[in-house]
């Protein structure tokens, strides 16, 4: 079985694609952290945000890229918002 690093090399991703993947991973990690800090299960978060629990599970597993409207449905009831900030530039 190939490692993720081997698969990634075979995909020959551009730097901007790598950056997008990293941003999505950061966003998902932040959402999971918020949910856990609030002491909520996926089902409880889903109920609070008026979405179905599988929506939360798919987001947390990164099954697909999260849609902005789905993110907002989850973040807003938790008291969070998305903010656009400059990325750190590599030297």
C-alpha atoms as a PDB file:
ATOM      1  CA  UNK A   1       0.000   0.000   0.000  1.00  0.00           C
ATOM      2  CA  UNK A   2       1.323   3.436  -0.944  1.00  0.00           C
ATOM      3  CA  UNK A   3       1.924   6.108   1.667  1.00  0.00           C
ATOM      4  CA  UNK A   4       0.193   9.486   1.456  1.00  0.00           C
ATOM      5  CA  UNK A   5       3.550  11.070   0.567  1.00  0.00           C
ATOM      6  CA  UNK A   6       3.946   8.657  -2.376  1.00  0.00           C
ATOM      7  CA  UNK A   7       0.387   9.277  -3.560  1.00  0.00           C
ATOM      8  CA  UNK A   8       0.875  13.022  -3.202  1.00  0.00           C
ATOM      9  CA  UNK A   9       4.045  12.866  -5.313  1.00  0.00           C
ATOM     10  CA  UNK A  10       2.212  10.864  -7.991  1.00  0.00           C
ATOM     11  CA  UNK A  11      -0.565  13.475  -8.072  1.00  0.00           C
ATOM     12  CA  UNK A  12       2.030  16.124  -8.925  1.00  0.00           C
ATOM     13  CA  UNK A  13       0.070  18.836  -7.126  1.00  0.00           C
ATOM     14  CA  UNK A  14       0.878  22.477  -7.712  1.00  0.00           C
ATOM     15  CA  UNK A  15       1.879  24.621  -4.743  1.00  0.00           C
ATOM     16  CA  UNK A  16      -1.485  26.421  -4.811  1.00  0.00           C
ATOM     17  CA  UNK A  17      -3.286  23.052  -4.654  1.00  0.00           C
ATOM     18  CA  UNK A  18      -1.148  22.090  -1.659  1.00  0.00           C
ATOM     19  CA  UNK A  19      -2.059  25.396  -0.003  1.00  0.00           C
ATOM     20  CA  UNK A  20      -5.774  24.769  -0.553  1.00  0.00           C
ATOM     21  CA  UNK A  21      -5.483  21.309   0.987  1.00  0.00           C
ATOM     22  CA  UNK A  22      -3.678  22.751   4.014  1.00  0.00           C
ATOM     23  CA  UNK A  23      -6.281  25.502   4.463  1.00  0.00           C
ATOM     24  CA  UNK A  24      -9.105  22.954   4.377  1.00  0.00           C
ATOM     25  CA  UNK A  25      -7.303  20.770   6.920  1.00  0.00           C
ATOM     26  CA  UNK A  26      -6.772  23.766   9.232  1.00  0.00           C
ATOM     27  CA  UNK A  27     -10.427  24.737   8.949  1.00  0.00           C
ATOM     28  CA  UNK A  28     -11.641  21.222   9.703  1.00  0.00           C
ATOM     29  CA  UNK A  29      -9.272  20.880  12.681  1.00  0.00           C
ATOM     30  CA  UNK A  30     -10.533  24.206  14.038  1.00  0.00           C
ATOM     31  CA  UNK A  31     -14.175  23.132  13.684  1.00  0.00           C
ATOM     32  CA  UNK A  32     -13.523  19.838  15.484  1.00  0.00           C
ATOM     33  CA  UNK A  33     -11.665  21.697  18.253  1.00  0.00           C
ATOM     34  CA  UNK A  34     -14.552  24.134  18.709  1.00  0.00           C
ATOM     35  CA  UNK A  35     -17.082  21.297  18.864  1.00  0.00           C
ATOM     36  CA  UNK A  36     -15.001  19.403  21.401  1.00  0.00           C
ATOM     37  CA  UNK A  37     -14.354  22.513  23.532  1.00  0.00           C
ATOM     38  CA  UNK A  38     -18.108  23.120  23.601  1.00  0.00           C
ATOM     39  CA  UNK A  39     -18.517  19.529  24.801  1.00  0.00           C
ATOM     40  CA  UNK A  40     -20.821  18.673  21.905  1.00  0.00           C
ATOM     41  CA  UNK A  41     -21.191  15.401  20.080  1.00  0.00           C
ATOM     42  CA  UNK A  42     -21.634  15.506  16.321  1.00  0.00           C
ATOM     43  CA  UNK A  43     -25.348  14.843  16.818  1.00  0.00           C
ATOM     44  CA  UNK A  44     -25.709  17.672  19.350  1.00  0.00           C
ATOM     45  CA  UNK A  45     -23.861  20.083  17.056  1.00  0.00           C
ATOM     46  CA  UNK A  46     -26.041  19.045  14.136  1.00  0.00           C
ATOM     47  CA  UNK A  47     -29.196  19.711  16.148  1.00  0.00           C
ATOM     48  CA  UNK A  48     -27.905  23.100  17.296  1.00  0.00           C
ATOM     49  CA  UNK A  49     -27.010  24.092  13.727  1.00  0.00           C
ATOM     50  CA  UNK A  50     -30.117  22.627  12.065  1.00  0.00           C
ATOM     51  CA  UNK A  51     -28.201  20.211   9.858  1.00  0.00           C
ATOM     52  CA  UNK A  52     -28.100  16.432   9.836  1.00  0.00           C
ATOM     53  CA  UNK A  53     -25.397  14.610  11.782  1.00  0.00           C
ATOM     54  CA  UNK A  54     -23.917  13.005   8.641  1.00  0.00           C
ATOM     55  CA  UNK A  55     -23.170  16.519   7.339  1.00  0.00           C
ATOM     56  CA  UNK A  56     -20.967  17.107  10.387  1.00  0.00           C
ATOM     57  CA  UNK A  57     -19.345  13.677  10.062  1.00  0.00           C
ATOM     58  CA  UNK A  58     -18.544  14.181   6.359  1.00  0.00           C
ATOM     59  CA  UNK A  59     -17.015  17.581   7.086  1.00  0.00           C
ATOM     60  CA  UNK A  60     -14.895  16.256   9.928  1.00  0.00           C
ATOM     61  CA  UNK A  61     -13.702  13.305   7.847  1.00  0.00           C
ATOM     62  CA  UNK A  62     -12.933  15.649   4.927  1.00  0.00           C
ATOM     63  CA  UNK A  63     -14.972  13.463   2.575  1.00  0.00           C
ATOM     64  CA  UNK A  64     -15.322  16.502   0.339  1.00  0.00           C
ATOM     65  CA  UNK A  65     -14.436  20.169   0.446  1.00  0.00           C
ATOM     66  CA  UNK A  66     -16.793  21.999   2.797  1.00  0.00           C
ATOM     67  CA  UNK A  67     -19.208  24.429   1.157  1.00  0.00           C
ATOM     68  CA  UNK A  68     -19.238  28.001   2.484  1.00  0.00           C
ATOM     69  CA  UNK A  69     -22.950  27.865   3.332  1.00  0.00           C
ATOM     70  CA  UNK A  70     -22.451  24.647   5.297  1.00  0.00           C
ATOM     71  CA  UNK A  71     -19.561  26.174   7.210  1.00  0.00           C
ATOM     72  CA  UNK A  72     -21.621  29.224   8.061  1.00  0.00           C
ATOM     73  CA  UNK A  73     -24.559  27.074   9.223  1.00  0.00           C
ATOM     74  CA  UNK A  74     -22.210  25.440  11.704  1.00  0.00           C
ATOM     75  CA  UNK A  75     -20.016  28.336  12.778  1.00  0.00           C
ATOM     76  CA  UNK A  76     -22.697  31.007  13.242  1.00  0.00           C
ATOM     77  CA  UNK A  77     -24.720  29.225  15.978  1.00  0.00           C
ATOM     78  CA  UNK A  78     -21.440  28.563  17.778  1.00  0.00           C
ATOM     79  CA  UNK A  79     -20.600  32.267  17.748  1.00  0.00           C
ATOM     80  CA  UNK A  80     -17.829  32.134  15.131  1.00  0.00           C
ATOM     81  CA  UNK A  81     -17.274  33.701  11.736  1.00  0.00           C
ATOM     82  CA  UNK A  82     -14.936  33.179   8.814  1.00  0.00           C
ATOM     83  CA  UNK A  83     -12.255  35.776   8.355  1.00  0.00           C
ATOM     84  CA  UNK A  84      -9.982  36.346   5.385  1.00  0.00           C
ATOM     85  CA  UNK A  85      -6.375  36.930   6.385  1.00  0.00           C
ATOM     86  CA  UNK A  86      -3.143  36.981   4.372  1.00  0.00           C
ATOM     87  CA  UNK A  87      -1.250  33.713   4.142  1.00  0.00           C
ATOM     88  CA  UNK A  88       2.292  33.586   5.430  1.00  0.00           C
ATOM     89  CA  UNK A  89       4.697  33.826   2.538  1.00  0.00           C
ATOM     90  CA  UNK A  90       7.464  31.261   2.171  1.00  0.00           C
ATOM     91  CA  UNK A  91      10.917  32.822   2.064  1.00  0.00           C
END
